Amino acid sequence: MCSILPLKEKKLMEVKLGELPSWILMRNFTPSGIVGAFQRGYDRYYNKYINVRKGSISGVNMVLAAYVVFSYCISYKELKHERRRKYH
């Protein structure tokens, strides 16, 4: 039998679609709450991909791929302007 958790303590994957707006409003959006969320995310990433016994380069590759995509999105306006165009 599953225990009934308060909405605030549920994880995102456990929240039903109808409960999503109220669940989002219960989150901590103060600067310290946002910093804490990034810290928890970094800790999860580090423990899952970097701090392992038989590690590989996949954890570092994900960070590099995210950096490449992010920098492409930032410089897209300039790259779009410099495309080769047909002049006729």
N, C-alpha and C. Protein backbone atom coordinates (compact mmCIF):
# COMPACT_ATOMS: atom_id res chain seq x y z
N MET A 1 0.84 -1.16 0.00
CA MET A 1 0.00 0.00 0.00
C MET A 1 0.90 1.24 0.00
N CYS A 2 0.64 2.18 -0.87
CA CYS A 2 1.49 3.35 -0.96
C CYS A 2 1.05 4.41 0.05
N SER A 3 2.01 5.07 0.61
CA SER A 3 1.70 6.10 1.60
C SER A 3 1.31 7.39 0.89
N ILE A 4 0.46 8.16 1.54
CA ILE A 4 -0.01 9.42 0.97
C ILE A 4 0.93 10.52 1.44
N LEU A 5 1.61 11.15 0.48
CA LEU A 5 2.54 12.23 0.78
C LEU A 5 1.84 13.57 0.55
N PRO A 6 2.20 14.57 1.35
CA PRO A 6 1.70 15.91 1.03
C PRO A 6 2.25 16.36 -0.31
N LEU A 7 1.53 17.25 -0.97
CA LEU A 7 1.91 17.69 -2.31
C LEU A 7 3.29 18.33 -2.32
N LYS A 8 3.66 19.02 -1.25
CA LYS A 8 4.94 19.71 -1.20
C LYS A 8 6.12 18.73 -1.19
N GLU A 9 5.92 17.55 -0.65
CA GLU A 9 7.01 16.58 -0.54
C GLU A 9 7.12 15.65 -1.74
N LYS A 10 6.20 15.74 -2.69
CA LYS A 10 6.25 14.87 -3.86
C LYS A 10 7.32 15.34 -4.82
N LYS A 11 7.89 14.36 -5.53
CA LYS A 11 8.85 14.68 -6.58
C LYS A 11 8.08 15.04 -7.84
N LEU A 12 8.76 15.65 -8.80
CA LEU A 12 8.10 16.10 -10.03
C LEU A 12 7.46 14.94 -10.78
N MET A 13 8.11 13.79 -10.82
CA MET A 13 7.57 12.66 -11.56
C MET A 13 6.38 12.02 -10.86
N GLU A 14 6.15 12.34 -9.59
CA GLU A 14 5.02 11.79 -8.85
C GLU A 14 3.80 12.70 -8.87
N VAL A 15 3.96 13.92 -9.38
CA VAL A 15 2.87 14.89 -9.39
C VAL A 15 1.99 14.63 -10.61
N LYS A 16 0.67 14.66 -10.38
CA LYS A 16 -0.26 14.49 -11.50
C LYS A 16 -0.41 15.82 -12.22
N LEU A 17 -0.88 15.75 -13.44
CA LEU A 17 -0.95 16.94 -14.28
C LEU A 17 -1.86 18.02 -13.69
N GLY A 18 -2.94 17.64 -13.06
CA GLY A 18 -3.84 18.61 -12.44
C GLY A 18 -3.23 19.28 -11.22
N GLU A 19 -2.30 18.61 -10.56
CA GLU A 19 -1.66 19.16 -9.37
C GLU A 19 -0.43 20.00 -9.70
N LEU A 20 -0.01 20.00 -10.95
CA LEU A 20 1.25 20.65 -11.34
C LEU A 20 1.29 22.15 -11.03
N PRO A 21 0.26 22.96 -11.37
CA PRO A 21 0.36 24.38 -11.06
C PRO A 21 0.51 24.67 -9.56
N SER A 22 -0.25 23.97 -8.73
CA SER A 22 -0.12 24.21 -7.29
C SER A 22 1.21 23.69 -6.76
N TRP A 23 1.75 22.61 -7.35
CA TRP A 23 3.04 22.10 -6.93
C TRP A 23 4.15 23.09 -7.27
N ILE A 24 4.06 23.70 -8.47
CA ILE A 24 5.08 24.68 -8.87
C ILE A 24 5.04 25.89 -7.95
N LEU A 25 3.84 26.33 -7.58
CA LEU A 25 3.73 27.50 -6.70
C LEU A 25 4.25 27.23 -5.29
N MET A 26 4.34 25.96 -4.89
CA MET A 26 4.86 25.61 -3.57
C MET A 26 6.38 25.58 -3.51
N ARG A 27 7.04 25.64 -4.64
CA ARG A 27 8.50 25.59 -4.67
C ARG A 27 9.09 26.88 -4.10
N ASN A 28 10.32 26.81 -3.70
CA ASN A 28 11.03 27.93 -3.08
C ASN A 28 11.75 28.71 -4.18
N PHE A 29 11.25 29.91 -4.51
CA PHE A 29 11.84 30.72 -5.57
C PHE A 29 12.67 31.88 -5.03
N THR A 30 13.08 31.79 -3.79
CA THR A 30 13.99 32.80 -3.25
C THR A 30 15.38 32.53 -3.81
N PRO A 31 16.27 33.52 -3.75
CA PRO A 31 17.63 33.27 -4.26
C PRO A 31 18.32 32.09 -3.59
N SER A 32 18.13 31.92 -2.30
CA SER A 32 18.77 30.78 -1.63
C SER A 32 18.13 29.46 -2.07
N GLY A 33 16.83 29.46 -2.35
CA GLY A 33 16.17 28.25 -2.84
C GLY A 33 16.65 27.86 -4.22
N ILE A 34 16.85 28.85 -5.08
CA ILE A 34 17.33 28.58 -6.44
C ILE A 34 18.77 28.08 -6.41
N VAL A 35 19.59 28.70 -5.57
CA VAL A 35 20.98 28.24 -5.42
C VAL A 35 21.01 26.82 -4.88
N GLY A 36 20.14 26.52 -3.93
CA GLY A 36 20.06 25.16 -3.38
C GLY A 36 19.65 24.14 -4.43
N ALA A 37 18.73 24.53 -5.32
CA ALA A 37 18.30 23.62 -6.38
C ALA A 37 19.45 23.34 -7.35
N PHE A 38 20.21 24.38 -7.72
CA PHE A 38 21.36 24.16 -8.59
C PHE A 38 22.41 23.30 -7.90
N GLN A 39 22.60 23.50 -6.61
CA GLN A 39 23.58 22.70 -5.87
C GLN A 39 23.17 21.23 -5.83
N ARG A 40 21.88 20.97 -5.59
CA ARG A 40 21.41 19.58 -5.59
C ARG A 40 21.56 18.95 -6.97
N GLY A 41 21.27 19.72 -8.01
CA GLY A 41 21.42 19.20 -9.37
C GLY A 41 22.87 18.89 -9.69
N TYR A 42 23.78 19.77 -9.27
CA TYR A 42 25.21 19.54 -9.50
C TYR A 42 25.67 18.30 -8.73
N ASP A 43 25.23 18.16 -7.49
CA ASP A 43 25.62 17.00 -6.69
C ASP A 43 25.12 15.70 -7.31
N ARG A 44 23.87 15.70 -7.81
CA ARG A 44 23.34 14.50 -8.46
C ARG A 44 24.15 14.16 -9.71
N TYR A 45 24.45 15.17 -10.53
CA TYR A 45 25.23 14.94 -11.75
C TYR A 45 26.62 14.43 -11.41
N TYR A 46 27.26 15.06 -10.44
CA TYR A 46 28.63 14.69 -10.08
C TYR A 46 28.68 13.26 -9.56
N ASN A 47 27.74 12.90 -8.69
CA ASN A 47 27.75 11.55 -8.12
C ASN A 47 27.35 10.49 -9.14
N LYS A 48 26.55 10.85 -10.15
CA LYS A 48 26.11 9.86 -11.12
C LYS A 48 27.12 9.64 -12.24
N TYR A 49 27.80 10.70 -12.69
CA TYR A 49 28.66 10.58 -13.87
C TYR A 49 30.14 10.79 -13.61
N ILE A 50 30.52 11.56 -12.63
CA ILE A 50 31.93 11.89 -12.43
C ILE A 50 32.54 11.06 -11.31
N ASN A 51 31.90 11.01 -10.17
CA ASN A 51 32.45 10.35 -8.99
C ASN A 51 32.03 8.88 -8.96
N VAL A 52 32.49 8.11 -9.94
CA VAL A 52 32.14 6.69 -10.01
C VAL A 52 33.42 5.87 -10.03
N ARG A 53 33.28 4.60 -9.73
CA ARG A 53 34.45 3.74 -9.66
C ARG A 53 35.04 3.48 -11.04
N LYS A 54 34.19 3.11 -11.99
CA LYS A 54 34.65 2.86 -13.36
C LYS A 54 34.10 3.97 -14.25
N GLY A 55 34.68 5.11 -14.16
CA GLY A 55 34.19 6.26 -14.90
C GLY A 55 34.63 6.24 -16.36
N SER A 56 33.91 6.99 -17.15
CA SER A 56 34.28 7.16 -18.55
C SER A 56 34.20 8.65 -18.88
N ILE A 57 34.37 8.94 -20.13
CA ILE A 57 34.39 10.33 -20.55
C ILE A 57 32.97 10.86 -20.83
N SER A 58 31.95 10.04 -20.65
CA SER A 58 30.59 10.44 -21.01
C SER A 58 30.09 11.62 -20.17
N GLY A 59 30.44 11.69 -18.90
CA GLY A 59 30.01 12.81 -18.08
C GLY A 59 30.56 14.13 -18.55
N VAL A 60 31.83 14.13 -18.92
CA VAL A 60 32.46 15.35 -19.42
C VAL A 60 31.92 15.69 -20.80
N ASN A 61 31.64 14.66 -21.62
CA ASN A 61 31.08 14.91 -22.95
C ASN A 61 29.73 15.59 -22.88
N MET A 62 28.92 15.23 -21.89
CA MET A 62 27.61 15.88 -21.75
C MET A 62 27.76 17.35 -21.46
N VAL A 63 28.70 17.70 -20.61
CA VAL A 63 28.93 19.11 -20.29
C VAL A 63 29.42 19.85 -21.53
N LEU A 64 30.33 19.25 -22.27
CA LEU A 64 30.83 19.89 -23.48
C LEU A 64 29.74 20.04 -24.54
N ALA A 65 28.89 19.04 -24.69
CA ALA A 65 27.79 19.14 -25.66
C ALA A 65 26.81 20.22 -25.25
N ALA A 66 26.52 20.33 -23.97
CA ALA A 66 25.63 21.40 -23.50
C ALA A 66 26.25 22.76 -23.74
N TYR A 67 27.55 22.88 -23.55
CA TYR A 67 28.24 24.15 -23.82
C TYR A 67 28.17 24.52 -25.29
N VAL A 68 28.38 23.54 -26.17
CA VAL A 68 28.34 23.81 -27.61
C VAL A 68 26.94 24.26 -28.04
N VAL A 69 25.92 23.56 -27.56
CA VAL A 69 24.54 23.94 -27.91
C VAL A 69 24.20 25.32 -27.35
N PHE A 70 24.60 25.58 -26.13
CA PHE A 70 24.31 26.87 -25.51
C PHE A 70 25.01 28.01 -26.26
N SER A 71 26.28 27.84 -26.61
CA SER A 71 26.98 28.91 -27.32
C SER A 71 26.46 29.07 -28.74
N TYR A 72 25.99 28.00 -29.37
CA TYR A 72 25.37 28.13 -30.70
C TYR A 72 24.08 28.93 -30.60
N CYS A 73 23.28 28.66 -29.57
CA CYS A 73 22.03 29.41 -29.39
C CYS A 73 22.31 30.88 -29.11
N ILE A 74 23.35 31.18 -28.37
CA ILE A 74 23.68 32.57 -28.06
C ILE A 74 24.15 33.30 -29.32
N SER A 75 24.96 32.66 -30.15
CA SER A 75 25.52 33.34 -31.32
C SER A 75 24.73 33.08 -32.60
N TYR A 76 23.51 32.55 -32.50
CA TYR A 76 22.74 32.21 -33.69
C TYR A 76 22.40 33.44 -34.52
N LYS A 77 22.12 34.54 -33.87
CA LYS A 77 21.75 35.75 -34.60
C LYS A 77 22.89 36.21 -35.51
N GLU A 78 24.11 36.20 -35.01
CA GLU A 78 25.25 36.59 -35.82
C GLU A 78 25.55 35.57 -36.91
N LEU A 79 25.40 34.29 -36.59
CA LEU A 79 25.65 33.25 -37.59
C LEU A 79 24.60 33.29 -38.69
N LYS A 80 23.38 33.59 -38.34
CA LYS A 80 22.31 33.68 -39.33
C LYS A 80 22.58 34.83 -40.29
N HIS A 81 23.10 35.91 -39.78
CA HIS A 81 23.36 37.08 -40.60
C HIS A 81 24.49 36.83 -41.59
N GLU A 82 25.45 35.97 -41.25
CA GLU A 82 26.61 35.74 -42.09
C GLU A 82 26.48 34.54 -43.01
N ARG A 83 25.28 33.99 -43.18
CA ARG A 83 25.10 32.87 -44.08
C ARG A 83 25.38 33.27 -45.52
N ARG A 84 25.73 32.31 -46.32
CA ARG A 84 25.90 32.57 -47.75
C ARG A 84 24.54 32.77 -48.38
N ARG A 85 24.41 33.82 -49.11
CA ARG A 85 23.16 34.11 -49.77
C ARG A 85 23.40 34.21 -51.27
N LYS A 86 22.39 33.90 -52.03
CA LYS A 86 22.49 34.03 -53.47
C LYS A 86 22.18 35.49 -53.84
N TYR A 87 23.04 36.06 -54.62
CA TYR A 87 22.83 37.44 -55.05
C TYR A 87 22.48 37.41 -56.54
N HIS A 88 21.22 37.50 -56.85
CA HIS A 88 20.82 37.62 -58.25
C HIS A 88 19.52 38.32 -58.39
